[in-house]
Amino acid sequence: MNVADLSPAQARERFRAGERVPTAGWCRGWTQANLIAVPRRLRYDLLLFAHQNPQACPVLDVGEPGAWSTPLFPGDLRTDLPGYRLYRDGEPVADPGDVVAEWRDDLVPFLIGCSFTFEAALLAAGVPVRHLELGTNVPMYVTDVPCEAAGSLSGPLVVSMRPVPEALVATAVEVTGRYPLVHGAPVHVGDPAAIGIRDLARPDFGDPVEVRAGEVPLFWACGVTPQAAVMASGVEYAIGHLPGHMAILDARDDDYRV
C-alpha cells in the first residue's frame, strides 16, 4: 500500500515493527506532530515557552506524567514513531528505534504541530514541495533568531525550508497562513543569511534540497525548536522525535485549518 494511503494506526504499526523513515507524505489528510517529553518539574516551563513562542511551538496535546499515549495519539509514544532522539544534560546522546527502556515515570509528553500537516494543501494549490518530489526529509536549520525565554528554557528558533517559484510565493503564504496551529505562514522569505543561515546545502537536521533558478526559499517555524531549547538550556533529560520522523495523530489536517 502507498504510504500516503495508510491510516495512522497502520503507520504506527509499521513503525512499531521497526520501519525507520521520515514521515513527509505519509497518511494523507492526517495530522503529524513533533514529540518532546521533559521531566515533570519542567512541564510548566515548557508550557510557558510554548505560549511565548506559539508559531514555533503550537501545542496540540499534552500527556500526564509517565503517560505514553494522549487523546490524539492512542498508540505508544515509546515505540510508534519511526525515530527518537535522547538528550542528557542538553546533549543528544542516542537516536534509538524505540525508547521503552528510556521512558521515565516523570516524563511529560508534549505533541507540537508540524508543517507536514499543510503540505497537501500546498500541493492542492499548485505549490511544489521539493522534498516530497525527491522522497527525502525536509531541510531544517537553527537560526540566530532567539526565542522568548520562559523559566529555565531558552534557545534559538529552528525553521524548515521549502523552495517556491517566485510567482507562487504569495499563494504559499496564503495557504499556510490558514494553519496557525501547525506553524502557519512563513516567518521569513528570501535571504537565509538574514536569519543566520550560512549554507542552505548544509541543514542542521534533515536533507538538503536544491533551490533552483526562479525559486525563493521560504522558511517556516519548526517544531524542532523545543529540542534546540533543550540543548541550549542544558536540560538534564529529555526525549524527542528524530527530526522529520513524526508522531502521526488521530486528527485530521482540516481540524487545524481556519
Protein backbone atom coordinates (compact mmCIF):
# COMPACT_ATOMS: atom_id res chain seq x y z
CA MET A 1 0.00 0.00 0.00
CA ASN A 2 1.18 3.53 -0.79
CA VAL A 3 2.26 5.16 2.50
CA ALA A 4 0.04 8.16 1.68
CA ASP A 5 -2.98 5.87 1.88
CA LEU A 6 -2.19 4.35 5.27
CA SER A 7 -4.27 5.14 8.33
CA PRO A 8 -2.46 6.48 11.42
CA ALA A 9 -2.92 3.10 13.14
CA GLN A 10 -1.40 1.27 10.17
CA ALA A 11 1.57 3.64 10.09
CA ARG A 12 2.13 3.29 13.83
CA GLU A 13 2.08 -0.49 13.47
CA ARG A 14 4.81 -0.32 10.81
CA PHE A 15 6.97 1.94 12.96
CA ARG A 16 6.44 -0.33 15.97
CA ALA A 17 7.69 -3.20 13.79
CA GLY A 18 10.91 -1.31 13.05
CA GLU A 19 10.40 0.82 9.93
CA ARG A 20 12.67 3.88 10.18
CA VAL A 21 11.86 6.60 7.64
CA PRO A 22 10.94 10.31 7.54
CA THR A 23 7.15 10.71 7.50
CA ALA A 24 6.62 13.51 4.96
CA GLY A 25 3.88 12.32 2.64
CA TRP A 26 2.62 9.58 4.97
CA CYS A 27 -1.09 9.20 5.87
CA ARG A 28 -2.53 11.85 3.57
CA GLY A 29 -5.05 14.01 5.41
CA TRP A 30 -3.90 13.01 8.90
CA THR A 31 -2.03 15.37 11.21
CA GLN A 32 1.60 14.82 12.15
CA ALA A 33 3.27 16.16 15.28
CA ASN A 34 6.62 16.72 16.93
CA LEU A 35 7.32 14.96 20.23
CA ILE A 36 9.19 16.41 23.19
CA ALA A 37 9.00 14.77 26.61
CA VAL A 38 10.56 16.55 29.61
CA PRO A 39 10.72 15.85 33.34
CA ARG A 40 7.65 16.85 35.33
CA ARG A 41 9.49 19.73 37.02
CA LEU A 42 9.91 21.39 33.60
CA ARG A 43 6.39 20.92 32.26
CA TYR A 44 5.22 24.41 33.19
CA ASP A 45 8.42 25.94 31.86
CA LEU A 46 7.78 24.18 28.54
CA LEU A 47 4.13 25.23 28.52
CA LEU A 48 5.18 28.82 29.11
CA PHE A 49 7.93 28.55 26.48
CA ALA A 50 5.31 27.32 24.00
CA HIS A 51 2.94 30.14 24.99
CA GLN A 52 5.70 32.70 24.47
CA ASN A 53 6.68 31.18 21.10
CA PRO A 54 3.38 29.95 19.64
CA GLN A 55 4.39 29.91 15.99
CA ALA A 56 7.34 27.61 16.66
CA CYS A 57 5.71 25.58 19.44
CA PRO A 58 1.97 25.18 18.84
CA VAL A 59 0.88 22.63 21.44
CA LEU A 60 -1.65 20.12 20.08
CA ASP A 61 -1.73 17.69 23.01
CA VAL A 62 -0.09 17.01 26.39
CA GLY A 63 0.06 13.77 28.36
CA GLU A 64 0.11 13.08 32.07
CA PRO A 65 3.47 12.43 33.78
CA GLY A 66 4.69 8.99 32.77
CA ALA A 67 1.98 8.53 30.12
CA TRP A 68 2.98 7.13 26.74
CA SER A 69 -0.26 7.96 24.96
CA THR A 70 -2.51 11.01 24.69
CA PRO A 71 -6.07 11.63 23.47
CA LEU A 72 -4.80 12.44 19.96
CA PHE A 73 -2.15 9.72 19.94
CA PRO A 74 -3.76 6.47 21.13
CA GLY A 75 -0.68 4.43 20.20
CA ASP A 76 2.51 4.06 22.23
CA LEU A 77 4.76 7.13 22.16
CA ARG A 78 7.70 4.90 23.14
CA THR A 79 7.53 2.66 20.07
CA ASP A 80 5.16 4.09 17.45
CA LEU A 81 7.34 6.82 15.95
CA PRO A 82 9.94 5.94 13.30
CA GLY A 83 12.81 7.53 15.21
CA TYR A 84 13.75 9.17 18.50
CA ARG A 85 16.47 11.40 19.94
CA LEU A 86 17.60 11.06 23.55
CA TYR A 87 19.14 14.01 25.43
CA ARG A 88 21.22 14.08 28.61
CA ASP A 89 22.40 17.39 30.05
CA GLY A 90 21.43 19.11 26.84
CA GLU A 91 23.45 16.81 24.60
CA PRO A 92 21.98 14.41 22.03
CA VAL A 93 23.38 11.04 23.10
CA ALA A 94 21.45 8.45 21.06
CA ASP A 95 18.93 8.02 18.24
CA PRO A 96 17.18 4.79 19.26
CA GLY A 97 14.47 2.98 17.36
CA ASP A 98 12.30 2.92 20.47
CA VAL A 99 12.51 4.43 23.96
CA VAL A 100 10.76 1.81 26.08
CA ALA A 101 13.80 1.42 28.34
CA GLU A 102 14.44 5.18 28.44
CA TRP A 103 10.90 6.36 29.23
CA ARG A 104 10.64 7.59 32.83
CA ASP A 105 7.65 7.85 35.13
CA ASP A 106 8.20 11.60 35.49
CA LEU A 107 8.29 12.41 31.76
CA VAL A 108 5.53 14.64 30.43
CA PRO A 109 4.97 14.25 26.65
CA PHE A 110 4.08 17.24 24.51
CA LEU A 111 2.88 16.96 20.92
CA ILE A 112 3.73 20.05 18.89
CA GLY A 113 2.25 20.98 15.50
CA CYS A 114 4.19 20.03 12.36
CA SER A 115 4.40 21.78 8.99
CA PHE A 116 3.93 18.45 7.18
CA THR A 117 0.26 18.99 8.00
CA PHE A 118 -0.16 21.75 5.43
CA GLU A 119 1.86 20.18 2.61
CA ALA A 120 -1.15 18.53 0.97
CA ALA A 121 -2.83 21.95 0.88
CA LEU A 122 0.24 23.43 -0.79
CA LEU A 123 0.19 20.73 -3.45
CA ALA A 124 -3.55 21.22 -4.00
CA ALA A 125 -2.87 24.93 -4.60
CA GLY A 126 -0.23 24.09 -7.19
CA VAL A 127 2.78 24.86 -4.98
CA PRO A 128 5.51 22.22 -5.43
CA VAL A 129 7.10 20.66 -2.36
CA ARG A 130 10.65 19.67 -3.26
CA HIS A 131 11.40 17.13 -0.53
CA LEU A 132 8.19 15.27 -1.39
CA GLU A 133 9.24 15.21 -5.04
CA LEU A 134 12.61 13.76 -4.02
CA GLY A 135 11.33 11.42 -1.32
CA THR A 136 13.69 12.95 1.25
CA ASN A 137 13.42 14.66 4.62
CA VAL A 138 12.66 18.39 4.82
CA PRO A 139 15.73 20.58 5.49
CA MET A 140 15.75 22.28 8.89
CA TYR A 141 18.08 24.99 10.17
CA VAL A 142 18.99 26.54 13.52
CA THR A 143 18.73 30.32 13.11
CA ASP A 144 20.27 33.18 15.06
CA VAL A 145 16.76 34.39 15.99
CA PRO A 146 16.30 33.95 19.76
CA CYS A 147 13.05 32.60 21.12
CA GLU A 148 11.38 34.28 24.06
CA ALA A 149 12.82 32.67 27.19
CA ALA A 150 10.49 31.07 29.74
CA GLY A 151 11.56 29.84 33.13
CA SER A 152 14.69 27.76 32.69
CA LEU A 153 14.21 27.35 28.92
CA SER A 154 15.70 29.47 26.16
CA GLY A 155 17.18 28.87 22.75
CA PRO A 156 17.13 29.69 19.06
CA LEU A 157 14.31 29.40 16.55
CA VAL A 158 14.53 26.40 14.22
CA VAL A 159 12.99 26.67 10.76
CA SER A 160 12.12 24.33 7.92
CA MET A 161 12.71 25.44 4.32
CA ARG A 162 10.82 24.85 1.09
CA PRO A 163 11.86 26.48 -2.19
CA VAL A 164 8.90 28.01 -4.01
CA PRO A 165 8.68 29.50 -7.52
CA GLU A 166 8.61 33.28 -7.21
CA ALA A 167 5.18 33.53 -8.82
CA LEU A 168 3.73 31.20 -6.16
CA VAL A 169 5.23 32.77 -3.03
CA ALA A 170 2.06 34.71 -2.20
CA THR A 171 -0.01 31.55 -2.70
CA ALA A 172 2.24 29.58 -0.34
CA VAL A 173 2.00 32.30 2.30
CA GLU A 174 -1.80 32.46 1.99
CA VAL A 175 -2.32 28.69 2.08
CA THR A 176 -0.08 28.01 5.07
CA GLY A 177 -1.41 31.04 6.93
CA ARG A 178 -4.70 29.15 7.24
CA TYR A 179 -2.97 26.61 9.52
CA PRO A 180 -1.87 28.66 12.55
CA LEU A 181 -1.72 25.63 14.88
CA VAL A 182 0.79 23.90 12.64
CA HIS A 183 3.16 26.88 12.29
CA GLY A 184 1.10 28.98 9.89
CA ALA A 185 2.68 31.35 7.35
CA PRO A 186 6.45 31.57 6.85
CA VAL A 187 8.48 33.51 9.38
CA HIS A 188 10.97 34.57 6.69
CA VAL A 189 11.08 34.81 2.91
CA GLY A 190 14.27 35.11 0.91
CA ASP A 191 17.86 35.67 2.03
CA PRO A 192 18.81 32.90 4.51
CA ALA A 193 21.72 34.97 5.85
CA ALA A 194 19.20 37.43 7.31
CA ILE A 195 18.27 34.78 9.90
CA GLY A 196 21.77 33.43 10.39
CA ILE A 197 21.75 30.52 7.93
CA ARG A 198 25.12 30.40 6.19
CA ASP A 199 24.68 27.50 3.79
CA LEU A 200 21.36 26.04 2.61
CA ALA A 201 23.24 22.97 1.39
CA ARG A 202 24.13 22.09 5.00
CA PRO A 203 20.95 21.84 7.07
CA ASP A 204 21.26 21.16 10.79
CA PHE A 205 18.56 18.48 10.51
CA GLY A 206 17.03 16.65 7.56
CA ASP A 207 18.28 16.62 3.98
CA PRO A 208 19.37 19.43 1.66
CA VAL A 209 17.23 20.29 -1.36
CA GLU A 210 18.11 22.41 -4.38
CA VAL A 211 16.83 25.96 -4.71
CA ARG A 212 16.53 26.37 -8.46
CA ALA A 213 16.63 29.45 -10.65
CA GLY A 214 13.46 31.46 -10.25
CA GLU A 215 12.71 30.00 -6.83
CA VAL A 216 12.67 31.71 -3.43
CA PRO A 217 13.49 29.91 -0.17
CA LEU A 218 10.61 30.15 2.31
CA PHE A 219 11.20 29.42 5.99
CA TRP A 220 8.57 28.19 8.44
CA ALA A 221 8.92 27.99 12.21
CA CYS A 222 9.68 24.38 13.10
CA GLY A 223 8.62 22.12 15.96
CA VAL A 224 12.20 21.02 16.49
CA THR A 225 12.60 24.37 18.30
CA PRO A 226 11.87 22.77 21.74
CA GLN A 227 14.73 20.34 21.13
CA ALA A 228 17.01 23.30 20.38
CA ALA A 229 15.87 24.80 23.70
CA VAL A 230 16.66 21.51 25.48
CA MET A 231 20.18 21.71 24.07
CA ALA A 232 20.71 25.41 24.72
CA SER A 233 19.35 25.15 28.27
CA GLY A 234 21.25 22.02 29.27
CA VAL A 235 18.10 20.11 30.23
CA GLU A 236 19.08 17.07 32.30
CA TYR A 237 16.95 14.56 30.42
CA ALA A 238 14.53 14.69 27.52
CA ILE A 239 13.20 12.55 24.69
CA GLY A 240 12.25 13.95 21.30
CA HIS A 241 11.41 12.57 17.89
CA LEU A 242 14.21 12.23 15.36
CA PRO A 243 13.66 15.37 13.27
CA GLY A 244 11.36 14.62 10.35
CA HIS A 245 10.25 11.30 11.90
CA MET A 246 6.92 12.37 13.33
CA ALA A 247 4.08 11.15 15.50
CA ILE A 248 1.01 10.56 13.33
CA LEU A 249 -2.15 11.54 15.19
CA ASP A 250 -5.78 10.50 15.07
CA ALA A 251 -6.66 14.03 13.97
CA ARG A 252 -7.34 15.42 10.52
CA ASP A 253 -5.33 18.15 8.79
CA ASP A 254 -8.56 20.05 8.25
CA ASP A 255 -9.08 20.17 12.02
CA TYR A 256 -6.32 22.79 12.08
CA ARG A 257 -7.43 24.87 9.10
CA VAL A 258 -9.10 28.19 9.80
